[in-house]
Amino acid sequence: MKIEIVKDAPGENLESLGVLSWPIWEKEASEFPWTYDDREVCYLLEGDVIVTPEGGEPVRFGKGDLVTFPAGMRCKWKILEDVRKHYRFG
């Protein structure tokens, strides 16, 4: 399973997806396991993160990135810098 990242996502992409109307999630620097029951698309307003999919290579992303996690993915989050992100499931 692959994490898809659009680095420094263009404003027109964000606008067409309606990102600014999505809920916001915030989390301090920490580490925790996570399982995605549904696909998630998120846009980072702040932060620096490394996510390591089970059996995969670590992926790093941060402020300005649009990230898609596939449904069914198990991973470990390592938040290096406090995160604030818009997100949408499904």
N, C-alpha and C. Protein backbone atom coordinates (compact mmCIF):
# COMPACT_ATOMS: atom_id res chain seq x y z
N MET A 1 0.84 -1.18 0.00
CA MET A 1 0.00 0.00 0.00
C MET A 1 0.88 1.24 0.00
N LYS A 2 0.48 2.21 -0.78
CA LYS A 2 1.33 3.37 -1.00
C LYS A 2 0.67 4.66 -0.52
N ILE A 3 1.48 5.50 0.12
CA ILE A 3 1.06 6.84 0.51
C ILE A 3 1.38 7.76 -0.67
N GLU A 4 0.38 8.53 -1.11
CA GLU A 4 0.59 9.46 -2.22
C GLU A 4 0.75 10.88 -1.67
N ILE A 5 1.76 11.59 -2.15
CA ILE A 5 2.02 12.94 -1.67
C ILE A 5 2.15 13.91 -2.85
N VAL A 6 1.43 15.02 -2.76
CA VAL A 6 1.61 16.13 -3.69
C VAL A 6 2.31 17.22 -2.87
N LYS A 7 3.61 17.42 -3.13
CA LYS A 7 4.39 18.41 -2.39
C LYS A 7 3.95 19.82 -2.77
N ASP A 8 3.82 20.68 -1.77
CA ASP A 8 3.40 22.07 -2.00
C ASP A 8 2.23 22.13 -2.96
N ALA A 9 1.13 21.47 -2.57
CA ALA A 9 -0.06 21.34 -3.42
C ALA A 9 -0.53 22.70 -3.94
N PRO A 10 -0.78 22.79 -5.26
CA PRO A 10 -1.26 24.04 -5.86
C PRO A 10 -2.63 24.44 -5.32
N GLY A 11 -2.86 25.75 -5.19
CA GLY A 11 -4.12 26.27 -4.68
C GLY A 11 -5.34 25.79 -5.43
N GLU A 12 -5.22 25.63 -6.76
CA GLU A 12 -6.38 25.17 -7.55
C GLU A 12 -6.76 23.73 -7.19
N ASN A 13 -5.78 22.90 -6.84
CA ASN A 13 -6.08 21.53 -6.39
C ASN A 13 -6.88 21.57 -5.10
N LEU A 14 -6.44 22.41 -4.17
CA LEU A 14 -7.09 22.52 -2.87
C LEU A 14 -8.51 23.05 -3.03
N GLU A 15 -8.66 24.05 -3.88
CA GLU A 15 -9.98 24.65 -4.11
C GLU A 15 -10.94 23.64 -4.74
N SER A 16 -10.49 22.90 -5.74
CA SER A 16 -11.37 21.94 -6.41
C SER A 16 -11.79 20.80 -5.49
N LEU A 17 -10.95 20.47 -4.50
CA LEU A 17 -11.29 19.42 -3.53
C LEU A 17 -12.13 19.96 -2.36
N GLY A 18 -12.20 21.27 -2.21
CA GLY A 18 -12.92 21.87 -1.09
C GLY A 18 -12.21 21.73 0.24
N VAL A 19 -10.89 21.64 0.18
CA VAL A 19 -10.06 21.37 1.37
C VAL A 19 -10.35 22.31 2.54
N LEU A 20 -10.53 23.59 2.27
CA LEU A 20 -10.69 24.55 3.36
C LEU A 20 -11.99 24.37 4.15
N SER A 21 -12.93 23.57 3.62
CA SER A 21 -14.17 23.29 4.36
C SER A 21 -14.08 21.99 5.16
N TRP A 22 -12.97 21.25 5.01
CA TRP A 22 -12.81 19.99 5.75
C TRP A 22 -12.51 20.28 7.22
N PRO A 23 -12.81 19.31 8.10
CA PRO A 23 -12.47 19.47 9.52
C PRO A 23 -10.96 19.60 9.71
N ILE A 24 -10.56 20.10 10.88
CA ILE A 24 -9.15 20.24 11.22
C ILE A 24 -8.81 19.31 12.38
N TRP A 25 -7.65 18.67 12.28
CA TRP A 25 -7.11 17.78 13.33
C TRP A 25 -5.77 18.33 13.75
N GLU A 26 -5.52 18.34 15.06
CA GLU A 26 -4.25 18.83 15.60
C GLU A 26 -3.66 17.80 16.54
N LYS A 27 -2.34 17.69 16.53
CA LYS A 27 -1.65 16.73 17.41
C LYS A 27 -0.24 17.23 17.68
N GLU A 28 0.17 17.09 18.94
CA GLU A 28 1.51 17.50 19.34
C GLU A 28 2.52 16.44 18.90
N ALA A 29 3.80 16.79 19.00
CA ALA A 29 4.88 15.85 18.66
C ALA A 29 4.70 14.57 19.48
N SER A 30 4.69 13.43 18.80
CA SER A 30 4.44 12.14 19.45
C SER A 30 4.64 11.01 18.44
N GLU A 31 4.52 9.78 18.93
CA GLU A 31 4.57 8.59 18.07
C GLU A 31 3.40 7.69 18.44
N PHE A 32 2.75 7.10 17.42
CA PHE A 32 1.62 6.21 17.69
C PHE A 32 1.32 5.35 16.46
N PRO A 33 0.76 4.15 16.69
CA PRO A 33 0.33 3.31 15.57
C PRO A 33 -1.03 3.78 15.07
N TRP A 34 -1.31 3.52 13.78
CA TRP A 34 -2.61 3.92 13.22
C TRP A 34 -3.00 2.95 12.12
N THR A 35 -4.31 2.69 12.01
CA THR A 35 -4.86 1.88 10.93
C THR A 35 -5.93 2.71 10.22
N TYR A 36 -5.84 2.78 8.90
CA TYR A 36 -6.82 3.52 8.10
C TYR A 36 -7.92 2.57 7.65
N ASP A 37 -9.10 2.67 8.30
CA ASP A 37 -10.24 1.85 7.90
C ASP A 37 -10.79 2.33 6.56
N ASP A 38 -10.73 3.65 6.35
CA ASP A 38 -11.16 4.28 5.10
C ASP A 38 -9.99 5.06 4.51
N ARG A 39 -10.08 5.36 3.24
CA ARG A 39 -9.09 6.22 2.59
C ARG A 39 -9.17 7.60 3.25
N GLU A 40 -8.01 8.22 3.44
CA GLU A 40 -7.98 9.59 3.98
C GLU A 40 -7.14 10.47 3.08
N VAL A 41 -7.66 11.67 2.82
CA VAL A 41 -6.90 12.71 2.13
C VAL A 41 -6.74 13.84 3.13
N CYS A 42 -5.52 14.34 3.28
CA CYS A 42 -5.31 15.45 4.22
C CYS A 42 -4.36 16.48 3.62
N TYR A 43 -4.49 17.70 4.13
CA TYR A 43 -3.64 18.81 3.71
C TYR A 43 -3.03 19.42 4.96
N LEU A 44 -1.70 19.41 5.03
CA LEU A 44 -1.02 19.90 6.23
C LEU A 44 -0.85 21.41 6.21
N LEU A 45 -1.41 22.04 7.23
CA LEU A 45 -1.27 23.48 7.44
C LEU A 45 0.02 23.77 8.20
N GLU A 46 0.38 22.84 9.08
CA GLU A 46 1.60 22.95 9.89
C GLU A 46 2.10 21.56 10.18
N GLY A 47 3.40 21.45 10.46
CA GLY A 47 3.94 20.19 10.96
C GLY A 47 4.99 19.54 10.08
N ASP A 48 5.59 18.51 10.66
CA ASP A 48 6.60 17.69 10.00
C ASP A 48 6.39 16.28 10.52
N VAL A 49 6.17 15.33 9.61
CA VAL A 49 5.75 13.98 9.99
C VAL A 49 6.52 12.92 9.20
N ILE A 50 6.78 11.79 9.86
CA ILE A 50 7.28 10.60 9.17
C ILE A 50 6.26 9.50 9.45
N VAL A 51 5.71 8.92 8.39
CA VAL A 51 4.78 7.79 8.52
C VAL A 51 5.44 6.57 7.90
N THR A 52 5.47 5.48 8.65
CA THR A 52 6.07 4.24 8.16
C THR A 52 4.97 3.19 8.01
N PRO A 53 4.61 2.84 6.76
CA PRO A 53 3.62 1.79 6.54
C PRO A 53 4.16 0.44 7.01
N GLU A 54 3.29 -0.41 7.51
CA GLU A 54 3.69 -1.75 7.93
C GLU A 54 4.34 -2.46 6.74
N GLY A 55 5.58 -2.91 6.93
CA GLY A 55 6.30 -3.60 5.86
C GLY A 55 6.82 -2.70 4.76
N GLY A 56 6.77 -1.37 4.99
CA GLY A 56 7.20 -0.44 3.95
C GLY A 56 8.26 0.53 4.43
N GLU A 57 8.62 1.44 3.55
CA GLU A 57 9.64 2.45 3.83
C GLU A 57 9.01 3.71 4.43
N PRO A 58 9.73 4.40 5.31
CA PRO A 58 9.23 5.65 5.89
C PRO A 58 9.00 6.72 4.82
N VAL A 59 7.96 7.52 5.02
CA VAL A 59 7.61 8.61 4.11
C VAL A 59 7.51 9.88 4.94
N ARG A 60 8.18 10.94 4.49
CA ARG A 60 8.18 12.21 5.24
C ARG A 60 7.40 13.27 4.47
N PHE A 61 6.58 14.02 5.19
CA PHE A 61 5.82 15.11 4.58
C PHE A 61 5.57 16.19 5.61
N GLY A 62 5.09 17.35 5.14
CA GLY A 62 4.89 18.46 6.06
C GLY A 62 4.02 19.56 5.48
N LYS A 63 4.18 20.74 6.04
CA LYS A 63 3.37 21.91 5.69
C LYS A 63 3.28 22.09 4.17
N GLY A 64 2.03 22.25 3.69
CA GLY A 64 1.80 22.50 2.27
C GLY A 64 1.59 21.25 1.44
N ASP A 65 1.76 20.07 2.06
CA ASP A 65 1.62 18.81 1.30
C ASP A 65 0.20 18.26 1.38
N LEU A 66 -0.27 17.72 0.26
CA LEU A 66 -1.56 17.03 0.17
C LEU A 66 -1.24 15.55 0.15
N VAL A 67 -1.76 14.81 1.13
CA VAL A 67 -1.36 13.41 1.33
C VAL A 67 -2.58 12.51 1.30
N THR A 68 -2.46 11.35 0.61
CA THR A 68 -3.54 10.37 0.54
C THR A 68 -3.07 9.05 1.11
N PHE A 69 -3.83 8.54 2.09
CA PHE A 69 -3.54 7.25 2.72
C PHE A 69 -4.60 6.25 2.24
N PRO A 70 -4.20 5.06 1.78
CA PRO A 70 -5.17 4.08 1.29
C PRO A 70 -5.92 3.39 2.43
N ALA A 71 -7.15 2.98 2.17
CA ALA A 71 -7.94 2.21 3.14
C ALA A 71 -7.21 0.90 3.44
N GLY A 72 -7.23 0.51 4.71
CA GLY A 72 -6.62 -0.76 5.12
C GLY A 72 -5.16 -0.66 5.50
N MET A 73 -4.54 0.50 5.32
CA MET A 73 -3.12 0.64 5.63
C MET A 73 -2.90 0.72 7.14
N ARG A 74 -1.92 -0.05 7.61
CA ARG A 74 -1.47 0.03 9.00
C ARG A 74 -0.11 0.71 8.97
N CYS A 75 0.11 1.60 9.94
CA CYS A 75 1.34 2.37 9.91
C CYS A 75 1.69 2.89 11.30
N LYS A 76 2.85 3.54 11.36
CA LYS A 76 3.28 4.21 12.58
C LYS A 76 3.53 5.67 12.24
N TRP A 77 2.89 6.55 12.98
CA TRP A 77 3.10 7.99 12.83
C TRP A 77 4.18 8.44 13.79
N LYS A 78 5.10 9.27 13.30
CA LYS A 78 6.09 9.94 14.14
C LYS A 78 5.99 11.43 13.81
N ILE A 79 5.37 12.19 14.72
CA ILE A 79 5.20 13.62 14.52
C ILE A 79 6.41 14.32 15.11
N LEU A 80 7.20 14.94 14.23
CA LEU A 80 8.42 15.63 14.65
C LEU A 80 8.14 17.07 15.08
N GLU A 81 7.15 17.67 14.44
CA GLU A 81 6.75 19.06 14.70
C GLU A 81 5.23 19.07 14.74
N ASP A 82 4.63 19.70 15.75
CA ASP A 82 3.18 19.68 15.94
C ASP A 82 2.43 19.82 14.61
N VAL A 83 1.37 19.01 14.47
CA VAL A 83 0.61 18.94 13.22
C VAL A 83 -0.74 19.64 13.34
N ARG A 84 -1.09 20.33 12.27
CA ARG A 84 -2.43 20.89 12.10
C ARG A 84 -2.78 20.61 10.65
N LYS A 85 -3.89 19.87 10.44
CA LYS A 85 -4.22 19.46 9.07
C LYS A 85 -5.73 19.46 8.84
N HIS A 86 -6.11 19.74 7.59
CA HIS A 86 -7.47 19.49 7.12
C HIS A 86 -7.50 18.03 6.69
N TYR A 87 -8.63 17.35 6.90
CA TYR A 87 -8.71 15.94 6.50
C TYR A 87 -10.11 15.57 6.04
N ARG A 88 -10.16 14.49 5.23
CA ARG A 88 -11.44 13.95 4.76
C ARG A 88 -11.28 12.46 4.57
N PHE A 89 -12.25 11.70 5.08
CA PHE A 89 -12.26 10.25 4.89
C PHE A 89 -13.18 9.90 3.73
N GLY A 90 -12.87 8.77 3.07
CA GLY A 90 -13.73 8.27 2.01
C GLY A 90 -13.22 8.57 0.63
